[in-house]
Amino acid sequence: MSGDILFLAHRLPFPPDRGDKIRSHHVLKALAGIAPVHVGCLAETDADMASAHFLDGMARSWCMPRRSKPLTLAGAEALLRGEPVSFAAFRSRELADWVQNLLSSGKIAAIYVFSGQMGQYVPTDWQGHLLLDLVDVDSAKFEAYGKAGTGPRAFVDAREGRLLKAEESRLVQRADTTLLVSEAEANLLRERTSGTHDIRALRNGIDCALFDPGSVGPAPVLMEGGPHYVFTGQMDYAPNVEAVTRMAREIMPDVLRTLPAAQFHIVGRAPTKEVRSLHGVHGTSVIGEVPDTRPWLAGADAVVAPLRIARGVQNKVLEAMAMARPVIVSPDAASGIHAAENEQVLVAEDNAAFVAALLRLASEPAASRTLGHEARRFVMETMNWRAMLSELPQLLSMVQVSSRDAA
């Protein structure tokens, strides 16, 4: 392609240690191999600001203002504007001005928008190539929250889902291509938008060299007693909070009746008060943030993902599979991975099925090891990042030099 790429992401795509940042990190690296990239994103923590050196090595130029708007202020602003709260929360005048100045320079031939709330930074008169990576259909997620919840929070979630659906439709109409993390998500978006648009799946991959069971030993606490079950994830994310609460309070009591020494470990940053309250409940320990999740995966007798609400491909599942661990997931958490059920992953429809799967793995260690081995073989052969992102050059190959560039 001719011209540069502008990459817009709602978070700094480094380090790749949570679901959205893993995908944005690898997409950005792939784009930088195609053309010079300019990056606009938002910092959320001091650690983000300290990691700006990553952008120095990756981007031709970049802008990363600090996102400090309180959620209550973003909510009030969103109500006044009649827009989704997530749009108000990720709005920055500094970033908007930087984007406008960069586009006015005539350097940019294509914009890659990562996550729907960043679509607000694309000017209405932009005539270049636009790739929109929604990752998941967020509107459907908030609709599910609204239906499952009660009280004011259910109202807020239902409103967010309704407004996000309208914004997703608007952005899809503007984009040359819209990308989702799985074919299931792509089909869902096609059903929710009118007209004929180029909507396709660009699946997540996994770094199998990093997530290699031979690269690390197990966390010491996992080397005694057990069996040990592990959940990894961002622990202030509502679906994760619900999943670990389900595991600790609904699944573990039945497991302990047969396996009284069984333990469940919750590993991930920013555990909420609700998550912290699970420590000591039915063999549950809340580990919180760790510098490296791999030792916790390496020592797990099984990795669990009992998510009732899950969109797209769960990176936590891919990481556990790459580490050759037996993985038990809900049907939603299995979506988009396409692994063979009972051969590469176990899918549990309900709590009773989770309990049965955990007891089966404990009683059949050879079968458990085979399941883990086949899980790693599957992701190594079919889900490496190079293969997953191989379509990006083709998606950008049709970009032409703008008249301003030609001049």
Protein backbone atom coordinates (compact mmCIF):
# COMPACT_ATOMS: atom_id res chain seq x y z
CA MET A 1 0.00 0.00 0.00
CA SER A 2 1.03 3.66 -0.34
CA GLY A 3 0.80 6.10 2.54
CA ASP A 4 0.87 5.56 6.30
CA ILE A 5 -1.56 3.87 8.68
CA LEU A 6 -3.25 5.49 11.66
CA PHE A 7 -3.97 2.97 14.40
CA LEU A 8 -6.53 4.05 17.02
CA ALA A 9 -7.00 1.95 20.17
CA HIS A 10 -8.83 2.65 23.41
CA ARG A 11 -5.91 1.34 25.48
CA LEU A 12 -2.14 1.25 25.08
CA PRO A 13 -1.47 -2.00 23.16
CA PHE A 14 1.28 -2.98 25.59
CA PRO A 15 1.97 -5.10 27.52
CA PRO A 16 -0.12 -7.85 25.94
CA ASP A 17 -1.46 -9.09 29.27
CA ARG A 18 -5.25 -8.83 28.92
CA GLY A 19 -7.70 -9.82 26.21
CA ASP A 20 -8.09 -6.60 24.23
CA LYS A 21 -4.43 -5.60 24.61
CA ILE A 22 -3.24 -8.99 23.39
CA ARG A 23 -5.17 -8.57 20.14
CA SER A 24 -4.30 -4.88 19.65
CA HIS A 25 -0.62 -5.58 20.37
CA HIS A 26 -0.32 -8.26 17.69
CA VAL A 27 -2.42 -6.33 15.17
CA LEU A 28 -0.22 -3.26 15.64
CA LYS A 29 2.94 -5.32 15.15
CA ALA A 30 1.49 -6.76 11.93
CA LEU A 31 0.48 -3.32 10.63
CA ALA A 32 3.95 -1.93 11.37
CA GLY A 33 5.33 -4.61 9.06
CA ILE A 34 3.12 -3.35 6.23
CA ALA A 35 3.61 0.44 6.39
CA PRO A 36 4.65 3.22 8.79
CA VAL A 37 2.12 3.42 11.63
CA HIS A 38 0.97 6.35 13.75
CA VAL A 39 -0.70 5.36 17.04
CA GLY A 40 -3.40 7.17 18.97
CA CYS A 41 -4.48 5.56 22.25
CA LEU A 42 -5.30 6.36 25.85
CA ALA A 43 -3.31 5.68 29.02
CA GLU A 44 -5.11 4.52 32.14
CA THR A 45 -2.34 4.03 34.71
CA ASP A 46 1.13 5.19 35.68
CA ALA A 47 2.38 1.88 34.31
CA ASP A 48 0.91 2.80 30.92
CA MET A 49 2.75 6.12 30.95
CA ALA A 50 5.97 4.34 31.89
CA SER A 51 5.48 1.95 28.94
CA ALA A 52 5.42 4.68 26.31
CA HIS A 53 8.82 3.43 25.13
CA PHE A 54 6.95 0.62 23.37
CA LEU A 55 5.37 3.18 21.07
CA ASP A 56 8.74 4.84 20.44
CA GLY A 57 9.97 1.59 18.96
CA MET A 58 6.82 0.77 17.03
CA ALA A 59 5.26 3.98 15.72
CA ARG A 60 6.34 6.79 13.39
CA SER A 61 4.46 9.13 15.75
CA TRP A 62 2.04 8.70 18.62
CA CYS A 63 -0.31 10.43 21.04
CA MET A 64 -1.34 8.91 24.38
CA PRO A 65 -3.19 11.27 26.73
CA ARG A 66 -4.11 10.08 30.19
CA ARG A 67 -7.73 8.95 30.58
CA SER A 68 -8.83 10.39 33.91
CA LYS A 69 -12.53 11.20 33.48
CA PRO A 70 -14.51 9.65 36.36
CA LEU A 71 -17.17 7.19 35.27
CA THR A 72 -19.88 9.27 36.95
CA LEU A 73 -18.86 12.32 34.88
CA ALA A 74 -18.75 10.20 31.73
CA GLY A 75 -22.23 8.91 32.54
CA ALA A 76 -23.62 12.41 33.00
CA GLU A 77 -21.99 13.58 29.79
CA ALA A 78 -23.38 10.58 27.93
CA LEU A 79 -26.91 11.28 29.19
CA LEU A 80 -26.71 14.91 28.03
CA ARG A 81 -25.39 13.92 24.61
CA GLY A 82 -27.64 10.88 24.19
CA GLU A 83 -24.63 8.67 23.51
CA PRO A 84 -23.12 5.48 24.98
CA VAL A 85 -21.23 5.94 28.25
CA SER A 86 -18.19 4.20 26.74
CA PHE A 87 -17.95 6.93 24.08
CA ALA A 88 -17.89 9.69 26.68
CA ALA A 89 -15.44 7.75 28.84
CA PHE A 90 -12.89 7.46 26.03
CA ARG A 91 -13.23 10.98 24.61
CA SER A 92 -10.12 13.17 24.67
CA ARG A 93 -9.81 16.62 23.10
CA GLU A 94 -6.04 16.23 22.99
CA LEU A 95 -6.27 13.01 21.04
CA ALA A 96 -8.97 14.36 18.72
CA ASP A 97 -6.83 17.40 17.87
CA TRP A 98 -3.79 15.20 17.24
CA VAL A 99 -5.78 12.95 14.90
CA GLN A 100 -7.13 15.95 12.99
CA ASN A 101 -3.67 17.46 12.56
CA LEU A 102 -2.21 14.14 11.43
CA LEU A 103 -4.95 13.59 8.86
CA SER A 104 -4.50 17.16 7.59
CA SER A 105 -0.85 16.38 6.86
CA GLY A 106 -1.88 14.05 4.04
CA LYS A 107 0.31 11.20 5.30
CA ILE A 108 -2.47 8.79 6.20
CA ALA A 109 -3.87 6.39 3.61
CA ALA A 110 -5.73 4.08 5.99
CA ILE A 111 -7.17 4.15 9.50
CA TYR A 112 -7.43 1.02 11.62
CA VAL A 113 -9.99 1.59 14.40
CA PHE A 114 -9.60 -0.90 17.23
CA SER A 115 -12.79 -1.05 19.35
CA GLY A 116 -15.98 0.81 18.53
CA GLN A 117 -15.58 3.70 20.97
CA MET A 118 -12.58 4.91 18.95
CA GLY A 119 -14.72 5.43 15.86
CA GLN A 120 -15.61 8.87 17.22
CA TYR A 121 -12.10 10.06 16.30
CA VAL A 122 -12.60 9.46 12.57
CA PRO A 123 -13.80 12.76 11.02
CA THR A 124 -17.06 12.60 9.09
CA ASP A 125 -15.29 13.89 5.97
CA TRP A 126 -12.55 11.24 6.01
CA GLN A 127 -12.29 9.78 2.51
CA GLY A 128 -9.49 7.26 3.00
CA HIS A 129 -9.63 3.53 3.71
CA LEU A 130 -11.22 2.55 7.02
CA LEU A 131 -10.76 -0.80 8.76
CA LEU A 132 -13.04 -1.20 11.78
CA ASP A 133 -12.10 -3.87 14.32
CA LEU A 134 -15.02 -4.18 16.73
CA VAL A 135 -13.57 -7.40 18.17
CA ASP A 136 -16.92 -8.34 19.75
CA VAL A 137 -20.47 -7.12 19.31
CA ASP A 138 -20.45 -5.05 22.49
CA SER A 139 -24.07 -4.01 22.11
CA ALA A 140 -25.18 -7.63 22.48
CA LYS A 141 -23.08 -7.99 25.63
CA PHE A 142 -24.72 -4.99 27.29
CA GLU A 143 -28.15 -6.15 26.18
CA ALA A 144 -27.45 -9.44 27.97
CA TYR A 145 -26.33 -7.55 31.09
CA GLY A 146 -29.53 -5.52 30.98
CA LYS A 147 -31.75 -8.58 30.71
CA ALA A 148 -29.92 -10.45 33.46
CA GLY A 149 -29.66 -7.53 35.87
CA THR A 150 -32.04 -5.66 38.10
CA GLY A 151 -32.57 -2.08 39.24
CA PRO A 152 -30.77 1.02 37.94
CA ARG A 153 -27.76 -0.93 36.66
CA ALA A 154 -30.00 -3.03 34.41
CA PHE A 155 -31.49 0.19 32.98
CA VAL A 156 -28.02 1.63 32.32
CA ASP A 157 -26.82 -1.57 30.66
CA ALA A 158 -29.95 -1.82 28.49
CA ARG A 159 -29.49 1.81 27.42
CA GLU A 160 -25.83 1.19 26.61
CA GLY A 161 -26.74 -1.84 24.52
CA ARG A 162 -29.39 0.07 22.58
CA LEU A 163 -27.15 3.05 21.82
CA LEU A 164 -24.12 0.91 21.01
CA LYS A 165 -26.19 -1.04 18.50
CA ALA A 166 -27.01 2.18 16.66
CA GLU A 167 -23.36 3.29 16.73
CA GLU A 168 -22.14 -0.09 15.51
CA SER A 169 -24.54 0.12 12.58
CA ARG A 170 -23.33 3.65 11.75
CA LEU A 171 -19.67 2.65 11.90
CA VAL A 172 -20.21 -0.47 9.80
CA GLN A 173 -21.81 1.65 7.09
CA ARG A 174 -18.74 3.93 7.04
CA ALA A 175 -16.08 1.21 7.12
CA ASP A 176 -14.62 -0.49 4.08
CA THR A 177 -14.23 -3.67 6.14
CA THR A 178 -15.44 -4.55 9.63
CA LEU A 179 -13.59 -7.22 11.57
CA LEU A 180 -14.81 -9.43 14.42
CA VAL A 181 -12.92 -11.96 16.50
CA SER A 182 -14.95 -14.98 15.33
CA GLU A 183 -17.35 -16.05 12.60
CA ALA A 184 -20.09 -16.29 15.22
CA GLU A 185 -19.58 -12.62 16.14
CA ALA A 186 -19.45 -11.67 12.45
CA ASN A 187 -22.74 -13.46 11.80
CA LEU A 188 -24.31 -11.77 14.80
CA LEU A 189 -23.29 -8.33 13.51
CA ARG A 190 -24.60 -9.12 10.03
CA GLU A 191 -27.96 -9.94 11.59
CA ARG A 192 -27.98 -6.67 13.56
CA THR A 193 -27.06 -4.30 10.72
CA SER A 194 -28.99 -3.38 7.60
CA GLY A 195 -27.58 -3.46 4.09
CA THR A 196 -24.71 -5.37 2.54
CA HIS A 197 -21.35 -4.70 4.15
CA ASP A 198 -17.95 -6.38 4.22
CA ILE A 199 -18.07 -7.99 7.65
CA ARG A 200 -15.61 -10.79 8.29
CA ALA A 201 -13.82 -12.68 11.04
CA LEU A 202 -10.19 -11.99 11.97
CA ARG A 203 -9.57 -14.51 14.70
CA ASN A 204 -7.26 -14.18 17.69
CA GLY A 205 -4.08 -16.18 17.80
CA ILE A 206 -1.74 -17.34 20.53
CA ASP A 207 2.01 -16.98 21.04
CA CYS A 208 2.87 -20.65 21.44
CA ALA A 209 6.56 -19.92 21.99
CA LEU A 210 5.74 -17.76 25.00
CA PHE A 211 3.00 -20.04 26.30
CA ASP A 212 5.10 -23.18 26.27
CA PRO A 213 4.71 -25.65 29.15
CA GLY A 214 8.43 -26.31 29.02
CA SER A 215 9.33 -22.65 29.58
CA VAL A 216 8.28 -22.29 33.24
CA GLY A 217 7.70 -24.37 36.33
CA PRO A 218 4.50 -24.40 38.37
CA ALA A 219 3.75 -21.85 41.06
CA PRO A 220 4.98 -23.37 44.36
CA VAL A 221 1.53 -23.35 45.98
CA LEU A 222 0.28 -25.63 43.22
CA MET A 223 2.87 -28.32 43.91
CA GLU A 224 1.22 -29.59 47.10
CA GLY A 225 -2.21 -31.01 47.76
CA GLY A 226 -4.95 -30.42 45.29
CA PRO A 227 -6.23 -30.95 42.71
CA HIS A 228 -5.77 -27.29 41.80
CA TYR A 229 -8.15 -25.43 39.50
CA VAL A 230 -7.23 -22.04 38.05
CA PHE A 231 -9.10 -19.14 36.48
CA THR A 232 -7.13 -16.27 34.92
CA GLY A 233 -8.47 -12.92 33.78
CA GLN A 234 -9.10 -9.25 34.47
CA MET A 235 -10.94 -9.45 37.76
CA ASP A 236 -12.92 -6.21 37.59
CA TYR A 237 -14.58 -7.36 34.36
CA ALA A 238 -18.18 -8.27 35.11
CA PRO A 239 -18.36 -11.60 33.20
CA ASN A 240 -15.18 -12.77 34.95
CA VAL A 241 -16.53 -11.73 38.34
CA GLU A 242 -19.71 -13.68 37.70
CA ALA A 243 -17.75 -16.70 36.46
CA VAL A 244 -15.46 -17.01 39.51
CA THR A 245 -18.39 -16.43 41.85
CA ARG A 246 -20.23 -19.25 40.10
CA MET A 247 -17.20 -21.52 40.40
CA ALA A 248 -16.57 -20.77 44.08
CA ARG A 249 -20.14 -20.78 45.37
CA GLU A 250 -21.98 -23.15 43.02
CA ILE A 251 -19.47 -25.65 41.60
CA MET A 252 -16.77 -26.10 44.24
CA PRO A 253 -19.12 -27.29 47.04
CA ASP A 254 -20.07 -30.36 44.99
CA VAL A 255 -16.44 -30.97 43.96
CA LEU A 256 -15.30 -30.87 47.59
CA ARG A 257 -17.73 -33.63 48.57
CA THR A 258 -15.63 -36.06 46.50
CA LEU A 259 -12.28 -34.22 46.48
CA PRO A 260 -12.02 -32.51 49.91
CA ALA A 261 -8.51 -31.17 49.20
CA ALA A 262 -9.47 -29.48 45.92
CA GLN A 263 -8.55 -25.81 45.60
CA PHE A 264 -9.68 -23.04 43.27
CA HIS A 265 -7.31 -20.16 42.52
CA ILE A 266 -8.41 -16.81 41.04
CA VAL A 267 -5.49 -15.17 39.25
CA GLY A 268 -5.78 -11.69 37.77
CA ARG A 269 -5.42 -8.00 38.41
CA ALA A 270 -7.89 -5.64 40.08
CA PRO A 271 -10.12 -8.12 41.93
CA THR A 272 -13.31 -6.40 43.02
CA LYS A 273 -14.68 -6.45 46.56
CA GLU A 274 -17.04 -9.22 45.48
CA VAL A 275 -14.12 -11.29 44.17
CA ARG A 276 -11.99 -10.66 47.27
CA SER A 277 -14.87 -11.87 49.43
CA LEU A 278 -14.49 -15.31 47.85
CA HIS A 279 -11.11 -15.91 49.50
CA GLY A 280 -11.46 -18.90 51.79
CA VAL A 281 -14.90 -19.86 50.45
CA HIS A 282 -15.10 -23.55 49.50
CA GLY A 283 -11.36 -23.94 48.91
CA THR A 284 -11.03 -20.68 46.97
CA SER A 285 -7.96 -18.46 47.10
CA VAL A 286 -7.86 -15.00 45.50
CA ILE A 287 -4.32 -14.55 44.22
CA GLY A 288 -4.82 -11.24 42.43
CA GLU A 289 -2.29 -9.76 40.05
CA VAL A 290 0.84 -11.76 39.28
CA PRO A 291 3.84 -10.83 37.11
CA ASP A 292 3.37 -13.93 34.97
CA THR A 293 0.30 -16.17 34.70
CA ARG A 294 2.21 -19.03 33.09
CA PRO A 295 3.37 -20.68 36.37
CA TRP A 296 -0.24 -20.73 37.52
CA LEU A 297 -1.33 -22.34 34.29
CA ALA A 298 1.61 -24.75 34.30
CA GLY A 299 0.70 -26.10 37.74
CA ALA A 300 -3.06 -26.28 37.27
CA ASP A 301 -4.73 -29.68 37.22
CA ALA A 302 -7.43 -27.99 35.16
CA VAL A 303 -8.17 -24.48 33.95
CA VAL A 304 -11.81 -23.45 34.13
CA ALA A 305 -13.85 -20.81 32.30
CA PRO A 306 -17.47 -21.05 33.52
CA LEU A 307 -18.53 -17.82 31.79
CA ARG A 308 -22.25 -17.30 31.35
CA ILE A 309 -21.69 -14.18 29.22
CA ALA A 310 -18.76 -14.38 26.81
CA ARG A 311 -18.18 -12.70 23.48
CA GLY A 312 -15.72 -13.77 20.82
CA VAL A 313 -12.60 -15.80 21.53
CA GLN A 314 -11.37 -16.09 25.11
CA ASN A 315 -7.61 -15.51 25.24
CA LYS A 316 -7.50 -17.11 28.68
CA VAL A 317 -8.71 -20.34 27.09
CA LEU A 318 -6.13 -20.23 24.29
CA GLU A 319 -3.32 -19.57 26.77
CA ALA A 320 -4.31 -22.52 28.92
CA MET A 321 -4.56 -24.78 25.88
CA ALA A 322 -1.12 -23.65 24.67
CA MET A 323 0.23 -24.56 28.12
CA ALA A 324 -1.10 -28.10 27.57
CA ARG A 325 -3.62 -27.84 30.38
CA PRO A 326 -6.98 -29.62 30.44
CA VAL A 327 -9.54 -26.86 29.97
CA ILE A 328 -13.22 -26.94 30.94
CA VAL A 329 -15.35 -24.17 29.47
CA SER A 330 -18.94 -23.09 29.18
CA PRO A 331 -20.48 -23.17 25.67
CA ASP A 332 -20.12 -19.37 25.38
CA ALA A 333 -16.44 -19.51 26.35
CA ALA A 334 -15.84 -22.20 23.72
CA SER A 335 -17.28 -20.03 20.95
CA GLY A 336 -14.88 -19.15 18.17
CA ILE A 337 -12.16 -21.65 19.07
CA HIS A 338 -13.45 -24.64 17.07
CA ALA A 339 -11.57 -27.20 19.13
CA ALA A 340 -12.83 -30.77 19.16
CA GLU A 341 -15.05 -31.30 22.17
CA ASN A 342 -13.84 -34.07 24.54
CA GLU A 343 -10.60 -34.36 22.53
CA GLN A 344 -9.05 -30.90 22.86
CA VAL A 345 -11.38 -29.13 25.28
CA LEU A 346 -14.23 -30.09 27.61
CA VAL A 347 -17.47 -28.13 27.29
CA ALA A 348 -19.80 -28.12 30.30
CA GLU A 349 -23.38 -27.02 29.76
CA ASP A 350 -24.22 -26.43 33.44
CA ASN A 351 -22.86 -26.67 36.97
CA ALA A 352 -23.45 -30.41 37.20
CA ALA A 353 -21.47 -30.92 33.99
CA PHE A 354 -18.59 -28.83 35.35
CA VAL A 355 -18.49 -30.94 38.49
CA ALA A 356 -18.61 -34.18 36.50
CA ALA A 357 -15.78 -33.00 34.21
CA LEU A 358 -13.55 -32.00 37.14
CA LEU A 359 -14.13 -35.32 38.91
CA ARG A 360 -13.47 -37.22 35.69
CA LEU A 361 -10.13 -35.45 35.15
CA ALA A 362 -9.09 -36.21 38.73
CA SER A 363 -9.91 -39.90 38.36
CA GLU A 364 -8.34 -40.32 34.90
CA PRO A 365 -4.87 -38.69 34.99
CA ALA A 366 -3.74 -40.29 31.72
CA ALA A 367 -6.81 -38.99 29.89
CA SER A 368 -6.23 -35.57 31.49
CA ARG A 369 -2.66 -35.44 30.16
CA THR A 370 -3.82 -36.49 26.69
CA LEU A 371 -6.46 -33.76 26.67
CA GLY A 372 -3.83 -31.16 27.51
CA HIS A 373 -1.41 -32.48 24.90
CA GLU A 374 -4.06 -32.39 22.20
CA ALA A 375 -5.09 -28.88 23.25
CA ARG A 376 -1.56 -27.58 22.72
CA ARG A 377 -1.20 -29.39 19.39
CA PHE A 378 -4.45 -27.81 18.20
CA VAL A 379 -3.47 -24.22 18.97
CA MET A 380 0.07 -24.67 17.62
CA GLU A 381 -1.22 -25.97 14.31
CA THR A 382 -4.20 -23.71 13.75
CA MET A 383 -4.09 -20.59 15.95
CA ASN A 384 -0.67 -18.95 15.79
CA TRP A 385 -0.73 -15.16 15.31
CA ARG A 386 1.06 -15.20 11.95
CA ALA A 387 -1.67 -17.35 10.44
CA MET A 388 -4.49 -15.40 12.09
CA LEU A 389 -3.28 -12.02 10.77
CA SER A 390 -2.16 -13.15 7.32
CA GLU A 391 -5.18 -11.45 5.75
CA LEU A 392 -4.20 -7.94 6.86
CA PRO A 393 -1.88 -7.14 3.92
CA GLN A 394 -4.64 -8.12 1.49
CA LEU A 395 -7.19 -5.97 3.30
CA LEU A 396 -4.85 -2.98 2.91
CA SER A 397 -3.55 -3.77 -0.58
CA MET A 398 -6.36 -1.84 -2.27
CA VAL A 399 -5.44 1.44 -0.57
CA GLN A 400 -4.45 4.09 -3.10
CA VAL A 401 -2.34 7.22 -2.69
CA SER A 402 -4.63 10.18 -1.99
CA SER A 403 -4.45 13.25 -4.18
CA ARG A 404 -2.80 15.13 -1.33
CA ASP A 405 -0.09 12.45 -1.07
CA ALA A 406 0.42 12.45 -4.80
CA ALA A 407 0.89 16.19 -4.76
